[in-house]
């Protein structure tokens, strides 16, 4: 119990320290804001025109639902969990990982909270501004008022964070054996971007691509986007089950990879 409390105190300290740093030095917030505006606003304008040409609906999906689905992706990505892969590679290449391994806190636990702390301030501010902006311009989808949406969105959001952390940590840990993980990172990152509905809402996918988005860990890490669809009311338990299953399976993969990585450091004199 004391060990758990100790870890939560450390996590809280990391979060507070990094959030304060982001408040005093708002350059990251500005960069994140410009990045979101530069991509999301252009997409919204384009899709508004496309839906208008198709009578307001495509595949029984309205423009409002499609817009919120894509917004959830962009909002989620601001947390910056994906950057943990390159941070691990940097630690390995610089030898900093050996120093962190000697600390009384688990390396991956430390890196996880560090990444959350780095992106949390930008995530909160941009998400609040984005929600308000979308609400006053296009309104909320009807699904937002349902009980299932309100009850499940916190869990699928946290599940998405955890699964994303595991996926990108696996890529990062590969740097103990690979000099450069960037090719692997690029492939996985672009796959998640596509299957996560960044530029094309998942509900508009062709059937085969839609199934891949449902049953692959890459699509499951972005199930937050699915909460806006009416189908979420009937298949939420299935999708959350898929997400949980991938967390367990890939969590085991990460556990054994990291265990071998620590042995590799020890053998090499770390």
Protein backbone atom coordinates (compact mmCIF):
# COMPACT_ATOMS: atom_id res chain seq x y z
CA UNK A 1 0.00 0.00 0.00
CA UNK A 2 2.82 2.39 0.90
CA UNK A 3 4.56 1.53 -2.37
CA UNK A 4 1.43 2.43 -4.36
CA UNK A 5 1.03 5.72 -2.48
CA UNK A 6 4.68 6.49 -3.16
CA UNK A 7 4.21 5.92 -6.89
CA UNK A 8 1.12 8.13 -7.02
CA UNK A 9 2.94 10.90 -5.16
CA UNK A 10 5.73 10.72 -7.72
CA UNK A 11 3.26 10.76 -10.61
CA UNK A 12 1.49 13.76 -9.09
CA UNK A 13 4.80 15.56 -8.63
CA UNK A 14 5.82 14.95 -12.24
CA UNK A 15 2.46 16.18 -13.53
CA UNK A 16 2.43 19.34 -11.42
CA UNK A 17 6.04 20.20 -12.29
CA UNK A 18 5.55 19.80 -16.04
CA UNK A 19 2.17 21.57 -16.08
CA UNK A 20 3.70 24.55 -14.28
CA UNK A 21 6.53 24.55 -16.80
CA UNK A 22 4.06 24.60 -19.70
CA UNK A 23 2.11 27.47 -18.12
CA UNK A 24 5.23 29.59 -17.71
CA UNK A 25 6.54 28.74 -21.18
CA UNK A 26 3.50 28.62 -23.49
CA UNK A 27 5.44 27.93 -26.70
CA UNK A 28 4.31 24.27 -26.69
CA UNK A 29 0.66 25.32 -26.34
CA UNK A 30 1.02 27.71 -29.27
CA UNK A 31 2.67 25.04 -31.43
CA UNK A 32 0.01 22.45 -30.58
CA UNK A 33 -2.80 24.96 -31.22
CA UNK A 34 -1.45 25.95 -34.62
CA UNK A 35 -0.98 22.28 -35.52
CA UNK A 36 -4.59 21.42 -34.65
CA UNK A 37 -6.02 24.49 -36.38
CA UNK A 38 -3.88 23.93 -39.45
CA UNK A 39 -5.21 20.40 -40.01
CA UNK A 40 -8.58 20.13 -38.31
CA UNK A 41 -10.17 23.37 -39.51
CA UNK A 42 -9.23 22.61 -43.12
CA UNK A 43 -10.77 19.14 -42.77
CA UNK A 44 -13.96 20.55 -41.23
CA UNK A 45 -14.43 23.01 -44.08
CA UNK A 46 -13.78 20.28 -46.67
CA UNK A 47 -16.19 17.79 -45.05
CA UNK A 48 -18.87 20.45 -44.58
CA UNK A 49 -18.82 20.97 -48.34
CA UNK A 50 -18.78 17.22 -49.12
CA UNK A 51 -21.72 16.50 -46.80
CA UNK A 52 -23.63 19.44 -48.26
CA UNK A 53 -23.21 17.99 -51.76
CA UNK A 54 -24.57 14.65 -50.49
CA UNK A 55 -27.70 16.09 -48.92
CA UNK A 56 -26.30 16.32 -45.36
CA UNK A 57 -25.64 12.60 -44.74
CA UNK A 58 -23.16 9.97 -45.96
CA UNK A 59 -23.67 6.33 -44.93
CA UNK A 60 -26.35 7.58 -42.52
CA UNK A 61 -23.71 9.74 -40.79
CA UNK A 62 -24.30 13.47 -40.43
CA UNK A 63 -21.63 16.14 -40.72
CA UNK A 64 -21.93 16.93 -37.00
CA UNK A 65 -21.12 13.34 -36.03
CA UNK A 66 -18.21 13.14 -38.50
CA UNK A 67 -16.76 16.42 -37.26
CA UNK A 68 -16.85 15.39 -33.60
CA UNK A 69 -15.36 12.01 -34.42
CA UNK A 70 -12.33 13.63 -36.06
CA UNK A 71 -12.08 16.21 -33.28
CA UNK A 72 -11.78 13.44 -30.70
CA UNK A 73 -8.83 12.02 -32.62
CA UNK A 74 -7.00 15.34 -32.81
CA UNK A 75 -7.75 16.14 -29.18
CA UNK A 76 -6.49 12.75 -28.02
CA UNK A 77 -3.28 12.95 -30.03
CA UNK A 78 -2.31 16.23 -28.30
CA UNK A 79 -1.54 14.26 -25.13
CA UNK A 80 1.60 13.17 -26.90
CA UNK A 81 1.66 9.56 -25.69
CA UNK A 82 3.11 8.56 -29.06
CA UNK A 83 6.31 10.48 -28.29
CA UNK A 84 7.28 7.94 -25.65
CA UNK A 85 8.77 5.71 -28.37
CA UNK A 86 11.31 8.34 -29.40
CA UNK A 87 11.98 9.30 -25.79
CA UNK A 88 12.94 5.70 -24.99
CA UNK A 89 15.15 5.58 -28.08
CA UNK A 90 16.82 8.83 -26.99
CA UNK A 91 17.42 7.42 -23.50
CA UNK A 92 19.00 4.30 -24.97
CA UNK A 93 21.19 6.17 -27.46
CA UNK A 94 22.46 8.65 -24.87
CA UNK A 95 22.90 6.07 -22.12
CA UNK A 96 20.44 7.92 -19.91
CA UNK A 97 18.40 4.73 -19.59
CA UNK A 98 21.12 3.17 -17.43
CA UNK A 99 20.83 6.03 -14.96
CA UNK A 100 17.03 5.80 -14.88
CA UNK A 101 17.17 2.02 -14.41
CA UNK A 102 19.06 2.58 -11.16
CA UNK A 103 16.32 4.82 -9.74
CA UNK A 104 13.82 3.36 -7.23
CA UNK A 105 10.92 3.90 -9.67
CA UNK A 106 10.04 1.73 -12.67
CA UNK A 107 11.44 3.25 -15.86
CA UNK A 108 8.24 2.85 -17.93
CA UNK A 109 6.11 4.23 -15.10
CA UNK A 110 8.33 7.31 -14.98
CA UNK A 111 8.29 7.76 -18.77
CA UNK A 112 4.50 7.35 -18.94
CA UNK A 113 3.78 10.12 -16.45
CA UNK A 114 6.46 12.31 -17.98
CA UNK A 115 4.76 12.12 -21.38
CA UNK A 116 1.31 12.76 -19.90
CA UNK A 117 2.68 15.75 -18.03
CA UNK A 118 4.29 17.12 -21.19
CA UNK A 119 1.01 17.15 -23.10
CA UNK A 120 -1.64 17.52 -20.40
CA UNK A 121 -1.81 21.33 -20.29
CA UNK A 122 -2.11 21.68 -24.08
CA UNK A 123 -4.66 18.85 -24.14
CA UNK A 124 -6.93 20.47 -21.55
CA UNK A 125 -6.81 23.98 -23.03
CA UNK A 126 -7.20 22.97 -26.67
CA UNK A 127 -9.93 20.42 -25.87
CA UNK A 128 -11.98 22.96 -23.93
CA UNK A 129 -11.58 25.61 -26.63
CA UNK A 130 -12.35 23.04 -29.35
CA UNK A 131 -15.48 21.76 -27.60
CA UNK A 132 -16.81 25.28 -27.14
CA UNK A 133 -15.92 26.23 -30.71
CA UNK A 134 -17.65 23.19 -32.21
CA UNK A 135 -20.66 23.54 -29.94
CA UNK A 136 -21.32 27.15 -30.99
CA UNK A 137 -20.71 26.47 -34.69
CA UNK A 138 -22.26 23.05 -35.35
CA UNK A 139 -23.72 21.92 -32.00
CA UNK A 140 -23.55 18.55 -30.22
CA UNK A 141 -24.58 15.21 -31.75
CA UNK A 142 -27.63 13.62 -30.16
CA UNK A 143 -25.49 10.73 -28.88
CA UNK A 144 -23.81 13.06 -26.37
CA UNK A 145 -26.98 13.14 -24.28
CA UNK A 146 -27.26 9.36 -23.92
CA UNK A 147 -26.42 7.60 -20.69
CA UNK A 148 -24.11 5.08 -22.36
CA UNK A 149 -21.97 7.85 -23.84
CA UNK A 150 -21.59 9.64 -20.51
CA UNK A 151 -20.83 6.42 -18.60
CA UNK A 152 -18.37 4.87 -21.04
CA UNK A 153 -16.36 7.79 -22.44
CA UNK A 154 -14.05 8.11 -19.39
CA UNK A 155 -13.20 4.39 -19.53
CA UNK A 156 -12.62 4.22 -23.29
CA UNK A 157 -10.52 7.39 -23.04
CA UNK A 158 -8.29 5.91 -20.32
CA UNK A 159 -8.17 2.61 -22.19
CA UNK A 160 -7.01 4.44 -25.30
CA UNK A 161 -4.24 6.17 -23.35
CA UNK A 162 -3.05 2.89 -21.84
CA UNK A 163 -3.15 0.97 -25.12
CA UNK A 164 -1.36 3.78 -26.98
CA UNK A 165 1.29 3.86 -24.25
CA UNK A 166 1.83 0.10 -24.57
CA UNK A 167 2.02 0.14 -28.38
CA UNK A 168 4.50 3.01 -28.55
CA UNK A 169 6.50 1.69 -25.60
CA UNK A 170 6.95 -1.62 -27.45
CA UNK A 171 8.35 0.36 -30.38
CA UNK A 172 10.60 2.34 -28.04
CA UNK A 173 11.93 -0.76 -26.27
CA UNK A 174 12.95 -2.18 -29.67
CA UNK A 175 15.70 0.45 -29.63
CA UNK A 176 17.62 -1.83 -27.24
CA UNK A 177 18.13 -4.08 -30.29
CA UNK A 178 17.71 -1.62 -33.18
CA UNK A 179 19.83 1.46 -33.71
CA UNK A 180 16.98 3.39 -35.30
CA UNK A 181 13.30 2.64 -34.57
CA UNK A 182 12.01 5.50 -36.73
CA UNK A 183 10.94 3.27 -39.67
CA UNK A 184 8.89 1.07 -37.31
CA UNK A 185 7.50 4.14 -35.56
CA UNK A 186 6.49 5.71 -38.87
CA UNK A 187 4.65 2.58 -40.08
CA UNK A 188 2.76 2.05 -36.81
CA UNK A 189 2.03 5.75 -36.33
CA UNK A 190 0.59 6.17 -39.83
CA UNK A 191 -1.45 3.00 -39.43
CA UNK A 192 -2.97 4.34 -36.21
CA UNK A 193 -3.59 7.68 -37.90
CA UNK A 194 -5.49 6.02 -40.75
CA UNK A 195 -7.41 3.42 -38.71
CA UNK A 196 -8.09 5.94 -35.96
CA UNK A 197 -10.14 8.15 -38.24
CA UNK A 198 -7.89 11.19 -38.37
CA UNK A 199 -8.73 12.26 -41.91
CA UNK A 200 -11.60 9.93 -42.76
CA UNK A 201 -14.25 9.14 -40.11
CA UNK A 202 -14.26 5.44 -39.22
CA UNK A 203 -17.95 5.14 -40.07
CA UNK A 204 -17.13 5.99 -43.70
CA UNK A 205 -14.51 3.25 -44.08
CA UNK A 206 -15.01 0.46 -46.65
CA UNK A 207 -16.23 -2.76 -44.94
CA UNK A 208 -12.84 -4.53 -44.86
CA UNK A 209 -11.02 -1.47 -43.60
CA UNK A 210 -13.72 -0.92 -40.99
CA UNK A 211 -13.24 -4.45 -39.63
CA UNK A 212 -9.48 -3.92 -39.44
CA UNK A 213 -10.09 -0.70 -37.49
CA UNK A 214 -12.35 -2.61 -35.08
CA UNK A 215 -10.23 -5.68 -34.44
CA UNK A 216 -6.65 -4.40 -34.68
CA UNK A 217 -4.85 -2.80 -31.71
CA UNK A 218 -4.14 0.24 -33.89
CA UNK A 219 -7.81 1.05 -34.34
CA UNK A 220 -8.67 -0.02 -30.78
CA UNK A 221 -6.31 2.63 -29.37
CA UNK A 222 -8.60 5.26 -30.92
CA UNK A 223 -12.01 3.86 -29.94
CA UNK A 224 -12.77 7.23 -28.37
CA UNK A 225 -13.86 8.31 -31.87
CA UNK A 226 -16.53 5.60 -31.96
CA UNK A 227 -18.40 7.02 -28.97
CA UNK A 228 -20.09 9.67 -31.12
CA UNK A 229 -21.76 7.13 -33.42
CA UNK A 230 -25.23 5.73 -32.78
CA UNK A 231 -23.76 2.22 -33.16
CA UNK A 232 -21.87 2.80 -29.91
CA UNK A 233 -25.16 2.43 -28.03
CA UNK A 234 -25.36 -1.24 -29.01
CA UNK A 235 -21.75 -2.39 -29.42
CA UNK A 236 -19.90 -0.41 -26.74
CA UNK A 237 -19.30 -3.49 -24.60
CA UNK A 238 -17.84 -5.37 -27.57
CA UNK A 239 -15.45 -2.57 -28.49
CA UNK A 240 -14.37 -1.95 -24.91
CA UNK A 241 -13.80 -5.70 -24.57
CA UNK A 242 -11.57 -5.67 -27.67
CA UNK A 243 -9.66 -2.73 -26.27
CA UNK A 244 -9.18 -4.46 -22.91
CA UNK A 245 -8.02 -7.66 -24.63
CA UNK A 246 -5.35 -5.83 -26.61
CA UNK A 247 -4.20 -4.04 -23.46
CA UNK A 248 -3.66 -7.41 -21.76
CA UNK A 249 -2.01 -9.14 -24.75
CA UNK A 250 0.30 -6.30 -25.75
CA UNK A 251 0.94 -5.52 -22.08
CA UNK A 252 2.41 -9.02 -21.74
CA UNK A 253 4.52 -8.46 -24.88
CA UNK A 254 5.85 -5.21 -23.42
CA UNK A 255 6.54 -6.88 -20.07
CA UNK A 256 8.72 -9.62 -21.59
CA UNK A 257 10.44 -7.26 -24.04
CA UNK A 258 11.34 -4.83 -21.28
CA UNK A 259 12.49 -7.68 -19.01
CA UNK A 260 14.91 -8.84 -21.72
CA UNK A 261 15.98 -5.26 -22.38
CA UNK A 262 17.01 -4.85 -18.73
CA UNK A 263 19.01 -8.07 -18.95
CA UNK A 264 20.71 -6.74 -22.06
CA UNK A 265 21.76 -3.58 -20.21
CA UNK A 266 23.12 -5.63 -17.31
CA UNK A 267 25.06 -7.99 -19.59
CA UNK A 268 26.63 -5.05 -21.38
CA UNK A 269 27.80 -3.56 -18.13
CA UNK A 270 24.97 -1.07 -17.48
